N, C-alpha and C. Protein backbone atom coordinates (compact mmCIF):
# COMPACT_ATOMS: atom_id res chain seq x y z
N MET A 1 230.57 50.15 -9.89
CA MET A 1 229.41 49.76 -9.61
C MET A 1 228.84 48.92 -10.40
N LYS A 2 229.42 48.35 -11.42
CA LYS A 2 228.96 46.88 -12.07
C LYS A 2 229.11 45.52 -11.76
N LEU A 3 230.75 46.26 -10.55
CA LEU A 3 231.29 44.75 -9.97
C LEU A 3 230.56 44.36 -8.62
N VAL A 4 230.26 45.82 -8.22
CA VAL A 4 229.33 45.32 -7.27
C VAL A 4 228.26 45.28 -7.14
N LEU A 5 227.53 45.50 -7.50
CA LEU A 5 225.75 45.64 -8.34
C LEU A 5 225.33 43.92 -7.47
N ASN A 6 224.55 43.84 -6.67
CA ASN A 6 223.58 42.42 -6.37
C ASN A 6 224.93 41.46 -5.99
N THR A 7 225.81 41.95 -5.27
CA THR A 7 226.53 41.43 -4.70
C THR A 7 226.59 41.30 -3.41
N PRO A 8 227.34 40.33 -2.49
CA PRO A 8 227.40 40.53 -1.29
C PRO A 8 227.29 41.97 -0.28
N ILE A 9 228.39 42.41 -1.12
CA ILE A 9 229.42 43.87 -1.05
C ILE A 9 228.69 45.02 -0.64
N HIS A 10 227.80 44.81 -2.49
CA HIS A 10 226.21 45.58 -2.23
C HIS A 10 225.22 45.69 -0.72
N LYS A 11 225.06 44.35 -0.91
CA LYS A 11 223.92 44.41 0.43
C LYS A 11 224.58 44.79 1.67
N ALA A 12 225.81 45.07 1.86
CA ALA A 12 226.59 44.95 2.98
C ALA A 12 226.33 46.19 3.55
N ILE A 13 226.82 46.93 2.26
CA ILE A 13 227.14 48.63 2.30
C ILE A 13 225.10 48.80 2.33
N CYS A 14 224.11 48.90 2.02
CA CYS A 14 223.47 48.95 2.15
C CYS A 14 222.57 48.95 3.73
N VAL A 15 223.34 47.04 3.71
CA VAL A 15 222.51 47.35 5.62
C VAL A 15 223.24 48.22 6.65
N ALA A 16 224.54 48.21 6.18
CA ALA A 16 225.72 49.40 7.24
C ALA A 16 224.79 50.18 7.48
N TYR A 17 224.36 51.30 5.95
CA TYR A 17 224.12 52.30 5.12
C TYR A 17 222.70 52.18 6.59
N LYS A 18 221.63 51.86 6.35
CA LYS A 18 220.62 51.90 7.05
C LYS A 18 221.04 51.52 8.62
N ARG A 19 221.53 50.89 9.05
CA ARG A 19 222.51 50.71 10.40
C ARG A 19 222.55 52.13 11.00
N GLY A 20 222.80 52.86 10.43
CA GLY A 20 223.50 53.93 10.66
C GLY A 20 225.25 54.45 10.21
N SER A 21 225.53 53.68 9.51
CA SER A 21 227.24 53.76 9.23
C SER A 21 226.92 54.93 8.34
N THR A 22 228.69 55.53 8.04
CA THR A 22 228.77 56.74 7.81
C THR A 22 229.28 56.27 6.47
N ILE A 23 229.11 56.38 5.03
CA ILE A 23 229.23 56.27 3.85
C ILE A 23 229.82 56.78 2.67
N ALA A 24 231.22 57.04 2.65
CA ALA A 24 232.19 58.08 1.80
C ALA A 24 232.50 57.86 0.38
N GLY A 25 232.47 58.86 0.07
CA GLY A 25 232.91 58.45 -1.65
C GLY A 25 233.11 60.13 -2.24
N THR A 26 233.54 59.89 -3.14
CA THR A 26 234.21 61.47 -4.24
C THR A 26 234.44 61.05 -5.54
N SER A 27 233.81 62.26 -6.28
CA SER A 27 233.50 61.67 -7.61
C SER A 27 232.62 60.77 -7.64
N ALA A 28 232.73 59.87 -8.75
CA ALA A 28 231.95 59.40 -8.45
C ALA A 28 231.71 57.99 -7.65
N GLY A 29 232.24 58.07 -7.01
CA GLY A 29 231.45 57.18 -5.24
C GLY A 29 230.55 58.08 -5.34
N ALA A 30 230.79 59.31 -4.99
CA ALA A 30 229.61 60.05 -4.65
C ALA A 30 227.96 60.30 -5.65
N ALA A 31 229.06 60.06 -6.63
CA ALA A 31 227.52 59.74 -7.67
C ALA A 31 226.71 58.45 -7.83
N VAL A 32 227.64 57.72 -7.32
CA VAL A 32 227.14 56.08 -7.17
C VAL A 32 226.14 56.04 -5.48
N MET A 33 226.15 56.85 -5.00
CA MET A 33 225.26 56.45 -4.04
C MET A 33 223.56 56.48 -4.30
N SER A 34 223.59 57.18 -5.52
CA SER A 34 221.88 57.57 -5.88
C SER A 34 221.35 56.01 -6.27
N LYS A 35 219.86 55.98 -5.67
CA LYS A 35 219.09 54.80 -6.99
C LYS A 35 219.47 54.86 -8.23
N GLN A 36 219.20 55.73 -9.19
CA GLN A 36 219.49 56.70 -10.53
C GLN A 36 221.03 57.70 -10.39
N MET A 37 222.00 56.53 -11.14
CA MET A 37 223.56 57.47 -11.53
C MET A 37 223.22 57.84 -13.04
N ILE A 38 223.47 59.15 -12.68
CA ILE A 38 224.33 59.64 -14.65
C ILE A 38 225.74 59.01 -14.82
N THR A 39 225.67 58.37 -16.01
CA THR A 39 226.98 57.68 -16.42
C THR A 39 227.97 58.80 -17.47
N GLY A 40 226.82 60.03 -17.63
CA GLY A 40 227.41 60.98 -18.38
C GLY A 40 227.62 60.37 -19.96
N ASN A 41 227.07 59.50 -20.73
CA ASN A 41 226.77 59.53 -21.82
C ASN A 41 225.52 59.78 -22.59
N GLN A 42 225.62 60.49 -23.34
CA GLN A 42 224.20 61.18 -23.68
C GLN A 42 223.61 60.07 -25.51
N LEU A 43 222.39 59.99 -25.48
CA LEU A 43 221.99 59.12 -26.01
C LEU A 43 221.57 59.82 -27.36
N LEU A 44 220.99 60.76 -27.40
CA LEU A 44 220.65 61.21 -28.87
C LEU A 44 221.99 62.52 -29.63
N GLY A 45 221.72 62.64 -30.25
CA GLY A 45 222.22 63.30 -30.96
C GLY A 45 224.15 62.78 -31.28
N ASP A 46 225.05 63.47 -31.24
CA ASP A 46 226.48 63.33 -31.09
C ASP A 46 226.64 63.06 -29.84
N THR A 47 226.55 60.94 -29.70
CA THR A 47 226.80 60.63 -29.01
C THR A 47 228.34 60.67 -28.16
N THR A 48 229.79 61.23 -28.78
CA THR A 48 230.36 61.98 -28.40
C THR A 48 230.34 61.90 -26.78
N TYR A 49 231.40 61.83 -25.74
CA TYR A 49 231.74 61.67 -23.99
C TYR A 49 231.41 63.95 -24.56
N PHE A 50 231.29 64.32 -23.87
CA PHE A 50 230.99 65.62 -23.19
C PHE A 50 231.45 65.56 -21.27
N GLU A 51 231.92 66.88 -21.25
CA GLU A 51 232.45 67.20 -19.87
C GLU A 51 230.45 67.41 -19.39
N THR A 52 229.78 68.18 -20.62
CA THR A 52 228.23 68.50 -20.15
C THR A 52 227.57 68.68 -21.60
N PHE A 53 225.88 68.67 -21.44
CA PHE A 53 225.37 68.34 -22.64
C PHE A 53 225.07 69.52 -23.72
N ASN A 54 225.10 69.90 -24.69
CA ASN A 54 224.92 71.04 -25.60
C ASN A 54 223.74 70.85 -25.16
N LYS A 55 222.83 70.54 -25.42
CA LYS A 55 221.24 70.98 -25.41
C LYS A 55 220.53 70.41 -24.37
N LEU A 56 219.05 70.49 -24.04
CA LEU A 56 218.57 70.13 -23.13
C LEU A 56 217.20 68.98 -23.55
N TRP A 57 217.68 68.56 -24.86
CA TRP A 57 216.66 67.34 -25.15
C TRP A 57 216.07 66.47 -24.22
N ASN A 58 214.61 65.61 -24.75
CA ASN A 58 214.15 65.30 -23.60
C ASN A 58 214.92 63.19 -24.12
N ASN A 59 214.35 62.86 -22.94
CA ASN A 59 215.36 61.83 -23.00
C ASN A 59 216.69 61.27 -23.46
N ASN A 60 217.63 62.02 -23.09
CA ASN A 60 218.91 62.19 -24.00
C ASN A 60 219.96 61.92 -22.81
N ILE A 61 219.53 61.96 -21.99
CA ILE A 61 220.55 61.16 -21.03
C ILE A 61 220.51 59.91 -20.22
N GLU A 62 221.51 59.16 -19.75
CA GLU A 62 221.85 57.95 -19.01
C GLU A 62 221.90 57.70 -18.16
N PHE A 63 220.83 56.46 -17.75
CA PHE A 63 220.89 56.58 -16.15
C PHE A 63 221.62 54.76 -15.85
N ALA A 64 222.76 54.57 -14.46
CA ALA A 64 222.56 52.98 -14.42
C ALA A 64 221.97 53.42 -12.68
N GLU A 65 221.92 51.54 -12.40
CA GLU A 65 221.69 51.96 -11.21
C GLU A 65 222.84 51.63 -10.20
N GLY A 66 222.52 52.66 -9.00
CA GLY A 66 223.80 53.00 -8.17
C GLY A 66 223.34 52.01 -7.01
N LEU A 67 223.58 52.21 -5.73
CA LEU A 67 223.89 51.59 -4.83
C LEU A 67 222.43 52.01 -4.43
N GLY A 68 221.69 52.93 -4.40
CA GLY A 68 220.35 53.30 -3.70
C GLY A 68 220.31 54.00 -2.21
N LEU A 69 221.35 53.90 -1.67
CA LEU A 69 221.57 54.63 -0.51
C LEU A 69 219.84 55.53 -0.25
N LEU A 70 220.68 56.45 -1.37
CA LEU A 70 219.50 57.62 -1.35
C LEU A 70 218.73 57.71 -2.28
N SER A 71 217.10 57.21 -2.26
CA SER A 71 216.27 56.83 -2.87
C SER A 71 215.69 57.97 -3.71
N SER A 72 215.71 59.28 -3.64
CA SER A 72 215.05 59.60 -4.68
C SER A 72 215.78 61.44 -4.63
N VAL A 73 217.09 60.89 -5.19
CA VAL A 73 218.21 62.29 -5.05
C VAL A 73 219.55 62.00 -6.19
N ILE A 74 219.97 62.68 -7.18
CA ILE A 74 220.58 62.49 -7.75
C ILE A 74 221.53 63.11 -8.26
N ILE A 75 222.85 62.74 -7.33
CA ILE A 75 224.08 63.15 -7.84
C ILE A 75 224.91 63.08 -8.62
N ASP A 76 225.67 64.46 -9.05
CA ASP A 76 226.31 64.78 -10.10
C ASP A 76 228.06 65.34 -9.99
N GLN A 77 228.77 64.83 -9.84
CA GLN A 77 230.13 65.35 -9.07
C GLN A 77 231.06 66.15 -10.53
N HIS A 78 231.77 66.96 -9.49
CA HIS A 78 232.93 68.20 -10.58
C HIS A 78 231.96 69.02 -11.02
N PHE A 79 231.33 68.98 -10.50
CA PHE A 79 230.04 69.74 -10.91
C PHE A 79 230.08 71.47 -11.51
N ILE A 80 230.52 72.06 -11.18
CA ILE A 80 230.74 74.04 -11.15
C ILE A 80 232.11 74.15 -12.22
N VAL A 81 232.82 73.39 -12.34
CA VAL A 81 234.26 73.33 -12.23
C VAL A 81 234.35 72.70 -13.90
N ARG A 82 233.47 72.30 -14.26
CA ARG A 82 232.81 71.48 -15.47
C ARG A 82 231.47 72.14 -16.33
N SER A 83 230.92 72.73 -15.65
CA SER A 83 229.72 73.43 -15.41
C SER A 83 228.72 72.38 -15.70
N ARG A 84 228.44 71.55 -15.49
CA ARG A 84 227.20 69.84 -15.62
C ARG A 84 225.82 70.27 -15.13
N TYR A 85 225.50 71.65 -15.47
CA TYR A 85 224.21 72.51 -15.70
C TYR A 85 222.86 71.60 -16.42
N ASN A 86 223.43 70.99 -17.83
CA ASN A 86 222.38 70.47 -18.30
C ASN A 86 222.36 69.11 -18.04
N ARG A 87 223.58 68.58 -17.61
CA ARG A 87 223.61 67.45 -16.95
C ARG A 87 222.21 67.04 -16.23
N LEU A 88 222.20 68.19 -14.76
CA LEU A 88 221.39 67.35 -14.01
C LEU A 88 219.98 68.23 -14.45
N LEU A 89 219.89 69.55 -15.07
CA LEU A 89 218.64 69.60 -16.13
C LEU A 89 217.61 68.60 -16.20
N SER A 90 218.57 67.86 -17.16
CA SER A 90 218.41 67.08 -17.92
C SER A 90 217.88 65.81 -16.98
N ALA A 91 218.49 65.05 -15.71
CA ALA A 91 218.43 64.21 -15.07
C ALA A 91 216.52 64.69 -13.77
N LEU A 92 216.98 66.39 -13.29
CA LEU A 92 215.78 66.54 -12.92
C LEU A 92 213.95 66.51 -14.46
N ALA A 93 214.48 66.43 -15.47
CA ALA A 93 213.22 66.75 -16.39
C ALA A 93 212.99 65.00 -16.12
N LYS A 94 214.19 64.00 -16.30
CA LYS A 94 213.90 62.46 -16.48
C LYS A 94 212.56 62.17 -14.89
N PHE A 95 213.37 62.92 -13.43
CA PHE A 95 213.14 62.50 -12.81
C PHE A 95 212.36 63.85 -11.94
N PRO A 96 211.14 64.24 -12.36
CA PRO A 96 210.86 65.68 -11.16
C PRO A 96 210.94 65.39 -10.16
N ASP A 97 210.75 64.46 -9.75
CA ASP A 97 210.26 64.05 -8.06
C ASP A 97 211.03 64.27 -6.85
N TYR A 98 212.33 64.20 -8.03
CA TYR A 98 213.97 63.94 -7.35
C TYR A 98 214.44 65.22 -6.93
N THR A 99 215.61 65.34 -6.77
CA THR A 99 216.07 65.91 -5.36
C THR A 99 217.31 65.88 -6.32
N CYS A 100 218.24 67.08 -7.46
CA CYS A 100 219.46 66.18 -7.94
C CYS A 100 220.40 68.07 -7.17
N ILE A 101 221.43 66.82 -6.68
CA ILE A 101 222.52 67.37 -6.59
C ILE A 101 223.72 67.06 -7.10
N GLY A 102 224.41 68.94 -7.50
CA GLY A 102 225.42 68.93 -7.89
C GLY A 102 226.90 69.87 -7.08
N ILE A 103 228.03 68.29 -7.11
CA ILE A 103 228.79 68.92 -5.17
C ILE A 103 229.90 68.96 -6.19
N ASP A 104 230.26 70.25 -5.99
CA ASP A 104 232.26 70.50 -6.70
C ASP A 104 232.85 69.24 -6.01
N GLU A 105 234.20 70.27 -6.95
CA GLU A 105 235.58 69.57 -6.53
C GLU A 105 235.65 70.25 -5.15
N SER A 106 236.42 69.30 -4.53
CA SER A 106 237.49 69.16 -3.17
C SER A 106 236.03 70.16 -2.28
N THR A 107 234.98 69.12 -2.38
CA THR A 107 233.73 70.01 -1.32
C THR A 107 232.77 68.44 -1.16
N ALA A 108 232.48 67.85 -0.53
CA ALA A 108 231.38 67.15 -0.38
C ALA A 108 230.22 67.20 0.22
N ILE A 109 228.85 66.75 0.43
CA ILE A 109 228.35 66.07 1.90
C ILE A 109 227.76 65.41 2.38
N ILE A 110 227.73 65.50 3.72
CA ILE A 110 226.96 64.59 4.78
C ILE A 110 225.46 64.79 4.26
N VAL A 111 225.06 63.57 4.33
CA VAL A 111 223.58 63.04 4.89
C VAL A 111 223.01 62.23 6.08
N ASP A 112 222.88 62.96 6.61
CA ASP A 112 221.88 62.17 7.83
C ASP A 112 220.19 62.11 7.89
N GLN A 113 219.77 60.98 7.43
CA GLN A 113 218.76 60.93 7.88
C GLN A 113 217.72 61.75 6.54
N ASN A 114 217.08 62.89 6.34
CA ASN A 114 216.94 63.42 5.40
C ASN A 114 217.34 65.45 5.23
N LYS A 115 218.75 65.31 6.16
CA LYS A 115 219.36 66.56 6.00
C LYS A 115 220.90 66.28 5.55
N VAL A 116 220.44 67.32 4.84
CA VAL A 116 222.03 67.19 4.10
C VAL A 116 223.33 68.53 4.49
N THR A 117 224.24 68.38 4.66
CA THR A 117 224.89 69.12 5.24
C THR A 117 226.19 70.00 3.96
N VAL A 118 226.69 70.73 4.15
CA VAL A 118 228.17 70.92 3.24
C VAL A 118 229.37 71.33 3.82
N THR A 119 230.36 70.13 2.96
CA THR A 119 231.55 70.28 4.11
C THR A 119 232.61 71.19 2.70
N GLY A 120 233.22 71.30 2.71
CA GLY A 120 234.51 71.44 1.93
C GLY A 120 234.82 73.09 1.39
N GLU A 121 235.71 72.90 0.19
CA GLU A 121 236.14 74.49 -0.37
C GLU A 121 235.20 74.56 -1.88
N GLY A 122 234.79 73.65 -2.39
CA GLY A 122 233.52 74.50 -2.71
C GLY A 122 232.40 74.83 -3.06
N GLN A 123 231.12 73.88 -3.51
CA GLN A 123 230.41 74.78 -3.50
C GLN A 123 229.25 73.58 -4.05
N VAL A 124 228.05 73.20 -3.87
CA VAL A 124 227.11 73.04 -4.12
C VAL A 124 225.77 73.44 -4.29
N VAL A 125 224.76 72.78 -5.39
CA VAL A 125 223.59 73.37 -6.05
C VAL A 125 223.00 72.43 -6.61
N LYS A 126 221.72 72.99 -5.68
CA LYS A 126 220.21 71.74 -5.33
C LYS A 126 219.70 72.58 -6.62
N LEU A 127 218.98 71.53 -7.19
CA LEU A 127 217.78 71.49 -7.85
C LEU A 127 217.17 70.40 -7.50
N CYS A 128 215.68 71.29 -7.58
CA CYS A 128 214.65 70.18 -7.64
C CYS A 128 212.98 71.18 -8.58
N CYS A 129 211.94 70.50 -8.06
CA CYS A 129 210.90 71.52 -8.73
C CYS A 129 209.91 71.29 -7.74
N LEU A 130 209.26 72.74 -7.50
CA LEU A 130 208.65 72.98 -6.92
C LEU A 130 207.19 72.53 -6.45
N LYS A 131 206.51 72.36 -7.92
CA LYS A 131 205.33 71.64 -8.04
C LYS A 131 205.70 70.88 -8.36
N ASN A 132 204.90 69.14 -8.14
CA ASN A 132 204.92 68.09 -8.94
C ASN A 132 203.74 68.71 -10.46
N LEU A 133 204.90 69.36 -11.15
CA LEU A 133 204.17 69.22 -12.20
C LEU A 133 205.11 68.73 -13.27
N PRO A 134 204.09 68.03 -14.46
CA PRO A 134 204.59 67.40 -15.41
C PRO A 134 205.47 67.81 -16.30
N ILE A 135 206.79 67.25 -16.94
CA ILE A 135 207.79 68.32 -17.66
C ILE A 135 207.12 68.93 -18.84
N LYS A 136 207.30 69.71 -19.85
CA LYS A 136 206.82 69.07 -20.96
C LYS A 136 207.93 69.52 -22.16
N LYS A 137 207.44 68.81 -23.30
CA LYS A 137 208.76 68.86 -24.29
C LYS A 137 207.81 69.46 -25.71
N THR A 138 208.84 69.90 -26.08
CA THR A 138 208.40 70.76 -27.43
C THR A 138 209.37 70.48 -28.54
N ASN A 139 208.95 69.37 -30.05
CA ASN A 139 210.38 69.49 -31.11
C ASN A 139 211.28 68.72 -30.04
N SER A 140 210.85 67.92 -29.36
CA SER A 140 212.19 66.92 -28.82
C SER A 140 212.66 67.65 -27.36
N LEU A 141 212.66 68.71 -27.16
CA LEU A 141 213.27 69.60 -26.50
C LEU A 141 212.72 69.68 -24.76
N ILE A 142 213.79 70.22 -23.67
CA ILE A 142 212.94 69.70 -22.43
C ILE A 142 212.61 71.48 -21.78
N LYS A 143 210.81 71.89 -21.75
CA LYS A 143 210.85 72.92 -21.13
C LYS A 143 210.01 72.88 -19.75
N PHE A 144 210.37 73.15 -18.43
CA PHE A 144 209.77 73.25 -17.20
C PHE A 144 209.18 74.55 -16.50
N GLN A 145 208.95 74.91 -16.07
CA GLN A 145 209.07 75.97 -14.58
C GLN A 145 208.39 75.58 -12.93
N ASP A 146 208.55 76.50 -12.13
CA ASP A 146 208.58 75.84 -10.53
C ASP A 146 209.86 75.29 -10.44
N ALA A 147 211.37 75.83 -11.10
CA ALA A 147 211.96 74.45 -10.11
C ALA A 147 212.77 75.60 -9.04
N GLN A 148 213.45 75.19 -8.58
CA GLN A 148 214.64 75.79 -7.92
C GLN A 148 215.79 75.47 -7.37
N LEU A 149 216.24 76.35 -7.99
CA LEU A 149 218.14 76.37 -7.65
C LEU A 149 218.41 77.48 -6.46
N SER A 150 219.35 76.38 -5.34
CA SER A 150 219.99 76.70 -4.49
C SER A 150 221.56 76.02 -4.54
N ILE A 151 221.89 77.30 -4.50
CA ILE A 151 223.41 77.45 -3.67
C ILE A 151 224.25 77.23 -2.58
N TYR A 152 224.98 76.43 -1.98
CA TYR A 152 225.17 76.66 -0.58
C TYR A 152 226.63 75.97 -0.79
N THR A 153 227.65 76.42 0.77
CA THR A 153 229.02 76.64 0.72
C THR A 153 228.87 75.90 1.75
N SER A 154 229.85 75.58 2.94
CA SER A 154 230.61 75.11 3.71
C SER A 154 230.18 75.36 5.19
N GLY A 155 229.40 74.04 5.87
CA GLY A 155 228.94 74.77 7.02
C GLY A 155 226.92 74.68 6.36
N ASP A 156 227.01 75.27 5.11
CA ASP A 156 225.75 75.45 5.03
C ASP A 156 224.51 73.44 5.08
N SER A 157 223.30 73.53 5.38
CA SER A 157 222.68 73.17 5.56
C SER A 157 221.04 73.00 5.04
N PHE A 158 220.51 71.69 4.35
CA PHE A 158 219.20 72.18 3.57
C PHE A 158 218.99 70.45 4.03
N LYS A 159 217.32 70.38 3.72
CA LYS A 159 216.45 68.58 4.05
C LYS A 159 216.00 68.49 2.37
N LEU A 160 216.15 67.05 2.09
CA LEU A 160 215.55 66.03 0.93
C LEU A 160 214.21 66.03 1.68
N LYS A 161 213.38 66.28 -0.01
CA LYS A 161 211.94 65.86 0.47
C LYS A 161 211.47 64.88 0.90
């Protein structure tokens, strides 16, 4: 993304997507579709890279700018096999108005307008807040309620906010 950001390539991808072109990506290529992209880096405590986070700390997750094709969606990849629930929960705490989507290996989502369709061998996890309630923090730990967790398999579809 660092090589593409704010270049003619970035602009061309965005224009093509807005005109209805299909833009595909796997792994980090899927995560880069979001406006806010999870880097995987923790900002607090032990900042050594791990596949998941060991605690749900407030402001522990680092984001980088993605392509911005999906403006209110955050995507994480290799989701179930690497147990990245704490990363996606941390992302939801940072952006409670977003839909957070975890895509497992050998699985993809197809986004058409605000409809998402799952395809592939694995599962897709969707996390979102049901109410626009502020995320509460106690002793730097995240806590919230009224979040929705849904799990989808190939052929299933759901709507984005």
